[in-house]
Amino acid sequence: MGQDYTTTITTEYIKLQDLLKYEGLCETGGVAKLRIQDGEVQVNGEVCTMRGKKLRSGDRVTIDGTTVTIA
């Protein structure tokens, strides 16, 4: 079962693959890349296949039932 939580970034944005790795939702950047390309990740409720997608405050990322909100 997933969980919902908020993470705070101190920069203007964070790339999607970097967020997945940083939050421990994917073991490595390579795994994050594959899962994004396979359509397993949603950004703001829509499937996102762009691993370099820039996430900013207010964006929501969902993978495996876990949702992370960027603050």
PDB file of N, CA and C in Angstrom:
ATOM      1  N   MET A   1       0.840  -1.186   0.000  1.00  0.00           N
ATOM      2  CA  MET A   1       0.000   0.000   0.000  1.00  0.00           C
ATOM      3  C   MET A   1       0.882   1.246   0.000  1.00  0.00           C
ATOM      4  N   GLY A   2       0.454   2.233  -0.720  1.00  0.00           N
ATOM      5  CA  GLY A   2       1.211   3.467  -0.808  1.00  0.00           C
ATOM      6  C   GLY A   2       0.842   4.434   0.300  1.00  0.00           C
ATOM      7  N   GLN A   3       1.448   5.554   0.242  1.00  0.00           N
ATOM      8  CA  GLN A   3       1.185   6.599   1.222  1.00  0.00           C
ATOM      9  C   GLN A   3       1.246   7.945   0.519  1.00  0.00           C
ATOM     10  N   ASP A   4       0.758   8.962   1.164  1.00  0.00           N
ATOM     11  CA  ASP A   4       0.822  10.318   0.620  1.00  0.00           C
ATOM     12  C   ASP A   4       1.657  11.170   1.565  1.00  0.00           C
ATOM     13  N   TYR A   5       2.581  11.927   1.019  1.00  0.00           N
ATOM     14  CA  TYR A   5       3.360  12.833   1.844  1.00  0.00           C
ATOM     15  C   TYR A   5       3.874  14.002   1.018  1.00  0.00           C
ATOM     16  N   THR A   6       4.437  14.975   1.693  1.00  0.00           N
ATOM     17  CA  THR A   6       4.954  16.185   1.059  1.00  0.00           C
ATOM     18  C   THR A   6       6.459  16.243   1.229  1.00  0.00           C
ATOM     19  N   THR A   7       7.146  16.673   0.202  1.00  0.00           N
ATOM     20  CA  THR A   7       8.581  16.888   0.289  1.00  0.00           C
ATOM     21  C   THR A   7       8.868  18.324  -0.133  1.00  0.00           C
ATOM     22  N   THR A   8       9.848  18.932   0.494  1.00  0.00           N
ATOM     23  CA  THR A   8      10.195  20.322   0.213  1.00  0.00           C
ATOM     24  C   THR A   8      11.483  20.379  -0.596  1.00  0.00           C
ATOM     25  N   ILE A   9      11.460  21.175  -1.660  1.00  0.00           N
ATOM     26  CA  ILE A   9      12.688  21.396  -2.426  1.00  0.00           C
ATOM     27  C   ILE A   9      13.150  22.830  -2.186  1.00  0.00           C
ATOM     28  N   THR A  10      14.459  23.031  -2.278  1.00  0.00           N
ATOM     29  CA  THR A  10      15.010  24.362  -2.005  1.00  0.00           C
ATOM     30  C   THR A  10      15.484  25.038  -3.290  1.00  0.00           C
ATOM     31  N   THR A  11      15.190  24.395  -4.431  1.00  0.00           N
ATOM     32  CA  THR A  11      15.548  24.961  -5.726  1.00  0.00           C
ATOM     33  C   THR A  11      14.262  25.309  -6.472  1.00  0.00           C
ATOM     34  N   GLU A  12      14.399  25.910  -7.639  1.00  0.00           N
ATOM     35  CA  GLU A  12      13.217  26.290  -8.418  1.00  0.00           C
ATOM     36  C   GLU A  12      12.430  25.060  -8.858  1.00  0.00           C
ATOM     37  N   TYR A  13      13.154  23.992  -9.206  1.00  0.00           N
ATOM     38  CA  TYR A  13      12.500  22.765  -9.660  1.00  0.00           C
ATOM     39  C   TYR A  13      13.398  21.563  -9.389  1.00  0.00           C
ATOM     40  N   ILE A  14      12.839  20.366  -9.546  1.00  0.00           N
ATOM     41  CA  ILE A  14      13.594  19.128  -9.492  1.00  0.00           C
ATOM     42  C   ILE A  14      13.090  18.259 -10.638  1.00  0.00           C
ATOM     43  N   LYS A  15      14.005  17.560 -11.297  1.00  0.00           N
ATOM     44  CA  LYS A  15      13.602  16.700 -12.406  1.00  0.00           C
ATOM     45  C   LYS A  15      12.930  15.437 -11.855  1.00  0.00           C
ATOM     46  N   LEU A  16      11.977  14.934 -12.620  1.00  0.00           N
ATOM     47  CA  LEU A  16      11.186  13.787 -12.198  1.00  0.00           C
ATOM     48  C   LEU A  16      12.044  12.604 -11.799  1.00  0.00           C
ATOM     49  N   GLN A  17      12.994  12.209 -12.631  1.00  0.00           N
ATOM     50  CA  GLN A  17      13.816  11.046 -12.297  1.00  0.00           C
ATOM     51  C   GLN A  17      14.637  11.286 -11.037  1.00  0.00           C
ATOM     52  N   ASP A  18      15.078  12.526 -10.820  1.00  0.00           N
ATOM     53  CA  ASP A  18      15.853  12.850  -9.626  1.00  0.00           C
ATOM     54  C   ASP A  18      14.989  12.767  -8.370  1.00  0.00           C
ATOM     55  N   LEU A  19      13.739  13.200  -8.470  1.00  0.00           N
ATOM     56  CA  LEU A  19      12.829  13.115  -7.331  1.00  0.00           C
ATOM     57  C   LEU A  19      12.595  11.657  -6.938  1.00  0.00           C
ATOM     58  N   LEU A  20      12.343  10.803  -7.924  1.00  0.00           N
ATOM     59  CA  LEU A  20      12.077   9.391  -7.637  1.00  0.00           C
ATOM     60  C   LEU A  20      13.266   8.744  -6.936  1.00  0.00           C
ATOM     61  N   LYS A  21      14.466   9.079  -7.379  1.00  0.00           N
ATOM     62  CA  LYS A  21      15.675   8.526  -6.753  1.00  0.00           C
ATOM     63  C   LYS A  21      15.879   9.134  -5.365  1.00  0.00           C
ATOM     64  N   TYR A  22      15.758  10.452  -5.245  1.00  0.00           N
ATOM     65  CA  TYR A  22      15.969  11.162  -3.982  1.00  0.00           C
ATOM     66  C   TYR A  22      15.022  10.674  -2.886  1.00  0.00           C
ATOM     67  N   GLU A  23      13.760  10.432  -3.256  1.00  0.00           N
ATOM     68  CA  GLU A  23      12.757  10.005  -2.281  1.00  0.00           C
ATOM     69  C   GLU A  23      12.783   8.500  -2.024  1.00  0.00           C
ATOM     70  N   GLY A  24      13.656   7.776  -2.712  1.00  0.00           N
ATOM     71  CA  GLY A  24      13.757   6.333  -2.509  1.00  0.00           C
ATOM     72  C   GLY A  24      12.620   5.546  -3.142  1.00  0.00           C
ATOM     73  N   LEU A  25      11.915   6.162  -4.087  1.00  0.00           N
ATOM     74  CA  LEU A  25      10.817   5.480  -4.763  1.00  0.00           C
ATOM     75  C   LEU A  25      11.334   4.583  -5.880  1.00  0.00           C
ATOM     76  N   CYS A  26      12.559   4.824  -6.314  1.00  0.00           N
ATOM     77  CA  CYS A  26      13.280   3.972  -7.254  1.00  0.00           C
ATOM     78  C   CYS A  26      14.706   3.834  -6.727  1.00  0.00           C
ATOM     79  N   GLU A  27      15.283   2.646  -6.852  1.00  0.00           N
ATOM     80  CA  GLU A  27      16.603   2.394  -6.288  1.00  0.00           C
ATOM     81  C   GLU A  27      17.710   3.203  -6.947  1.00  0.00           C
ATOM     82  N   THR A  28      17.613   3.386  -8.268  1.00  0.00           N
ATOM     83  CA  THR A  28      18.648   4.110  -8.997  1.00  0.00           C
ATOM     84  C   THR A  28      18.004   5.021 -10.040  1.00  0.00           C
ATOM     85  N   GLY A  29      18.829   5.893 -10.590  1.00  0.00           N
ATOM     86  CA  GLY A  29      18.344   6.747 -11.664  1.00  0.00           C
ATOM     87  C   GLY A  29      17.963   5.937 -12.898  1.00  0.00           C
ATOM     88  N   GLY A  30      18.688   4.835 -13.130  1.00  0.00           N
ATOM     89  CA  GLY A  30      18.384   3.975 -14.264  1.00  0.00           C
ATOM     90  C   GLY A  30      17.019   3.317 -14.130  1.00  0.00           C
ATOM     91  N   VAL A  31      16.701   2.853 -12.925  1.00  0.00           N
ATOM     92  CA  VAL A  31      15.391   2.252 -12.669  1.00  0.00           C
ATOM     93  C   VAL A  31      14.307   3.314 -12.842  1.00  0.00           C
ATOM     94  N   ALA A  32      14.553   4.512 -12.335  1.00  0.00           N
ATOM     95  CA  ALA A  32      13.590   5.611 -12.465  1.00  0.00           C
ATOM     96  C   ALA A  32      13.330   5.896 -13.946  1.00  0.00           C
ATOM     97  N   LYS A  33      14.393   5.952 -14.739  1.00  0.00           N
ATOM     98  CA  LYS A  33      14.266   6.213 -16.174  1.00  0.00           C
ATOM     99  C   LYS A  33      13.368   5.175 -16.837  1.00  0.00           C
ATOM    100  N   LEU A  34      13.604   3.906 -16.557  1.00  0.00           N
ATOM    101  CA  LEU A  34      12.816   2.832 -17.166  1.00  0.00           C
ATOM    102  C   LEU A  34      11.360   2.886 -16.746  1.00  0.00           C
ATOM    103  N   ARG A  35      11.111   3.128 -15.469  1.00  0.00           N
ATOM    104  CA  ARG A  35       9.733   3.160 -14.976  1.00  0.00           C
ATOM    105  C   ARG A  35       8.971   4.347 -15.565  1.00  0.00           C
ATOM    106  N   ILE A  36       9.653   5.470 -15.739  1.00  0.00           N
ATOM    107  CA  ILE A  36       9.025   6.643 -16.359  1.00  0.00           C
ATOM    108  C   ILE A  36       8.708   6.334 -17.821  1.00  0.00           C
ATOM    109  N   GLN A  37       9.680   5.781 -18.548  1.00  0.00           N
ATOM    110  CA  GLN A  37       9.478   5.465 -19.964  1.00  0.00           C
ATOM    111  C   GLN A  37       8.381   4.419 -20.161  1.00  0.00           C
ATOM    112  N   ASP A  38       8.202   3.540 -19.191  1.00  0.00           N
ATOM    113  CA  ASP A  38       7.170   2.495 -19.282  1.00  0.00           C
ATOM    114  C   ASP A  38       5.789   3.000 -18.880  1.00  0.00           C
ATOM    115  N   GLY A  39       5.687   4.288 -18.535  1.00  0.00           N
ATOM    116  CA  GLY A  39       4.386   4.877 -18.214  1.00  0.00           C
ATOM    117  C   GLY A  39       3.862   4.527 -16.834  1.00  0.00           C
ATOM    118  N   GLU A  40       4.764   4.219 -15.900  1.00  0.00           N
ATOM    119  CA  GLU A  40       4.360   3.818 -14.551  1.00  0.00           C
ATOM    120  C   GLU A  40       4.233   4.990 -13.577  1.00  0.00           C
ATOM    121  N   VAL A  41       4.544   6.196 -14.044  1.00  0.00           N
ATOM    122  CA  VAL A  41       4.566   7.369 -13.163  1.00  0.00           C
ATOM    123  C   VAL A  41       3.541   8.399 -13.640  1.00  0.00           C
ATOM    124  N   GLN A  42       2.818   8.965 -12.691  1.00  0.00           N
ATOM    125  CA  GLN A  42       1.872  10.033 -13.012  1.00  0.00           C
ATOM    126  C   GLN A  42       2.340  11.338 -12.391  1.00  0.00           C
ATOM    127  N   VAL A  43       2.152  12.423 -13.133  1.00  0.00           N
ATOM    128  CA  VAL A  43       2.418  13.764 -12.622  1.00  0.00           C
ATOM    129  C   VAL A  43       1.103  14.521 -12.713  1.00  0.00           C
ATOM    130  N   ASN A  44       0.623  14.984 -11.589  1.00  0.00           N
ATOM    131  CA  ASN A  44      -0.651  15.711 -11.512  1.00  0.00           C
ATOM    132  C   ASN A  44      -1.800  14.919 -12.140  1.00  0.00           C
ATOM    133  N   GLY A  45      -1.794  13.602 -11.896  1.00  0.00           N
ATOM    134  CA  GLY A  45      -2.891  12.753 -12.337  1.00  0.00           C
ATOM    135  C   GLY A  45      -2.804  12.233 -13.760  1.00  0.00           C
ATOM    136  N   GLU A  46      -1.748  12.581 -14.494  1.00  0.00           N
ATOM    137  CA  GLU A  46      -1.598  12.127 -15.875  1.00  0.00           C
ATOM    138  C   GLU A  46      -0.275  11.383 -16.033  1.00  0.00           C
ATOM    139  N   VAL A  47      -0.288  10.313 -16.837  1.00  0.00           N
ATOM    140  CA  VAL A  47       0.937   9.558 -17.092  1.00  0.00           C
ATOM    141  C   VAL A  47       1.963  10.489 -17.723  1.00  0.00           C
ATOM    142  N   CYS A  48       3.194  10.413 -17.221  1.00  0.00           N
ATOM    143  CA  CYS A  48       4.283  11.252 -17.734  1.00  0.00           C
ATOM    144  C   CYS A  48       5.438  10.342 -18.139  1.00  0.00           C
ATOM    145  N   THR A  49       5.885  10.461 -19.389  1.00  0.00           N
ATOM    146  CA  THR A  49       6.999   9.650 -19.867  1.00  0.00           C
ATOM    147  C   THR A  49       8.255  10.491 -20.111  1.00  0.00           C
ATOM    148  N   MET A  50       8.256  11.718 -19.616  1.00  0.00           N
ATOM    149  CA  MET A  50       9.418  12.599 -19.762  1.00  0.00           C
ATOM    150  C   MET A  50      10.225  12.566 -18.472  1.00  0.00           C
ATOM    151  N   ARG A  51      11.373  11.876 -18.492  1.00  0.00           N
ATOM    152  CA  ARG A  51      12.145  11.736 -17.254  1.00  0.00           C
ATOM    153  C   ARG A  51      12.747  13.060 -16.790  1.00  0.00           C
ATOM    154  N   GLY A  52      12.945  13.990 -17.728  1.00  0.00           N
ATOM    155  CA  GLY A  52      13.501  15.288 -17.375  1.00  0.00           C
ATOM    156  C   GLY A  52      12.437  16.316 -17.015  1.00  0.00           C
ATOM    157  N   LYS A  53      11.187  15.859 -16.863  1.00  0.00           N
ATOM    158  CA  LYS A  53      10.080  16.763 -16.517  1.00  0.00           C
ATOM    159  C   LYS A  53      10.450  17.575 -15.286  1.00  0.00           C
ATOM    160  N   LYS A  54      10.320  18.883 -15.392  1.00  0.00           N
ATOM    161  CA  LYS A  54      10.645  19.765 -14.266  1.00  0.00           C
ATOM    162  C   LYS A  54       9.447  19.873 -13.342  1.00  0.00           C
ATOM    163  N   LEU A  55       9.651  19.498 -12.091  1.00  0.00           N
ATOM    164  CA  LEU A  55       8.593  19.558 -11.085  1.00  0.00           C
ATOM    165  C   LEU A  55       8.811  20.775 -10.203  1.00  0.00           C
ATOM    166  N   ARG A  56       7.729  21.474  -9.963  1.00  0.00           N
ATOM    167  CA  ARG A  56       7.789  22.678  -9.132  1.00  0.00           C
ATOM    168  C   ARG A  56       6.811  22.550  -7.971  1.00  0.00           C
ATOM    169  N   SER A  57       6.851  23.504  -7.079  1.00  0.00           N
ATOM    170  CA  SER A  57       5.962  23.502  -5.920  1.00  0.00           C
ATOM    171  C   SER A  57       4.512  23.337  -6.358  1.00  0.00           C
ATOM    172  N   GLY A  58       3.808  22.430  -5.715  1.00  0.00           N
ATOM    173  CA  GLY A  58       2.412  22.170  -6.021  1.00  0.00           C
ATOM    174  C   GLY A  58       2.191  20.951  -6.907  1.00  0.00           C
ATOM    175  N   ASP A  59       3.242  20.491  -7.592  1.00  0.00           N
ATOM    176  CA  ASP A  59       3.105  19.296  -8.431  1.00  0.00           C
ATOM    177  C   ASP A  59       2.975  18.050  -7.560  1.00  0.00           C
ATOM    178  N   ARG A  60       2.250  17.056  -8.103  1.00  0.00           N
ATOM    179  CA  ARG A  60       2.053  15.782  -7.396  1.00  0.00           C
ATOM    180  C   ARG A  60       2.550  14.643  -8.275  1.00  0.00           C
ATOM    181  N   VAL A  61       3.363  13.761  -7.699  1.00  0.00           N
ATOM    182  CA  VAL A  61       3.908  12.607  -8.415  1.00  0.00           C
ATOM    183  C   VAL A  61       3.387  11.345  -7.754  1.00  0.00           C
ATOM    184  N   THR A  62       2.853  10.415  -8.570  1.00  0.00           N
ATOM    185  CA  THR A  62       2.322   9.167  -8.037  1.00  0.00           C
ATOM    186  C   THR A  62       3.009   7.987  -8.709  1.00  0.00           C
ATOM    187  N   ILE A  63       3.466   7.035  -7.878  1.00  0.00           N
ATOM    188  CA  ILE A  63       4.057   5.791  -8.364  1.00  0.00           C
ATOM    189  C   ILE A  63       3.764   4.714  -7.327  1.00  0.00           C
ATOM    190  N   ASP A  64       3.324   3.565  -7.782  1.00  0.00           N
ATOM    191  CA  ASP A  64       3.028   2.431  -6.899  1.00  0.00           C
ATOM    192  C   ASP A  64       2.070   2.796  -5.760  1.00  0.00           C
ATOM    193  N   GLY A  65       1.118   3.671  -6.034  1.00  0.00           N
ATOM    194  CA  GLY A  65       0.142   4.045  -5.010  1.00  0.00           C
ATOM    195  C   GLY A  65       0.623   5.078  -4.009  1.00  0.00           C
ATOM    196  N   THR A  66       1.868   5.514  -4.143  1.00  0.00           N
ATOM    197  CA  THR A  66       2.406   6.557  -3.271  1.00  0.00           C
ATOM    198  C   THR A  66       2.380   7.886  -4.008  1.00  0.00           C
ATOM    199  N   THR A  67       1.874   8.917  -3.356  1.00  0.00           N
ATOM    200  CA  THR A  67       1.826  10.253  -3.948  1.00  0.00           C
ATOM    201  C   THR A  67       2.709  11.200  -3.145  1.00  0.00           C
ATOM    202  N   VAL A  68       3.607  11.879  -3.848  1.00  0.00           N
ATOM    203  CA  VAL A  68       4.488  12.885  -3.246  1.00  0.00           C
ATOM    204  C   VAL A  68       4.076  14.242  -3.782  1.00  0.00           C
ATOM    205  N   THR A  69       3.796  15.174  -2.892  1.00  0.00           N
ATOM    206  CA  THR A  69       3.468  16.544  -3.282  1.00  0.00           C
ATOM    207  C   THR A  69       4.701  17.407  -3.048  1.00  0.00           C
ATOM    208  N   ILE A  70       5.070  18.211  -4.037  1.00  0.00           N
ATOM    209  CA  ILE A  70       6.228  19.096  -3.940  1.00  0.00           C
ATOM    210  C   ILE A  70       5.811  20.383  -3.245  1.00  0.00           C
ATOM    211  N   ALA A  71       6.616  20.786  -2.281  1.00  0.00           N
ATOM    212  CA  ALA A  71       6.353  22.041  -1.556  1.00  0.00           C
ATOM    213  C   ALA A  71       7.543  22.971  -1.715  1.00  0.00           C
TER     214      ALA A  71
END
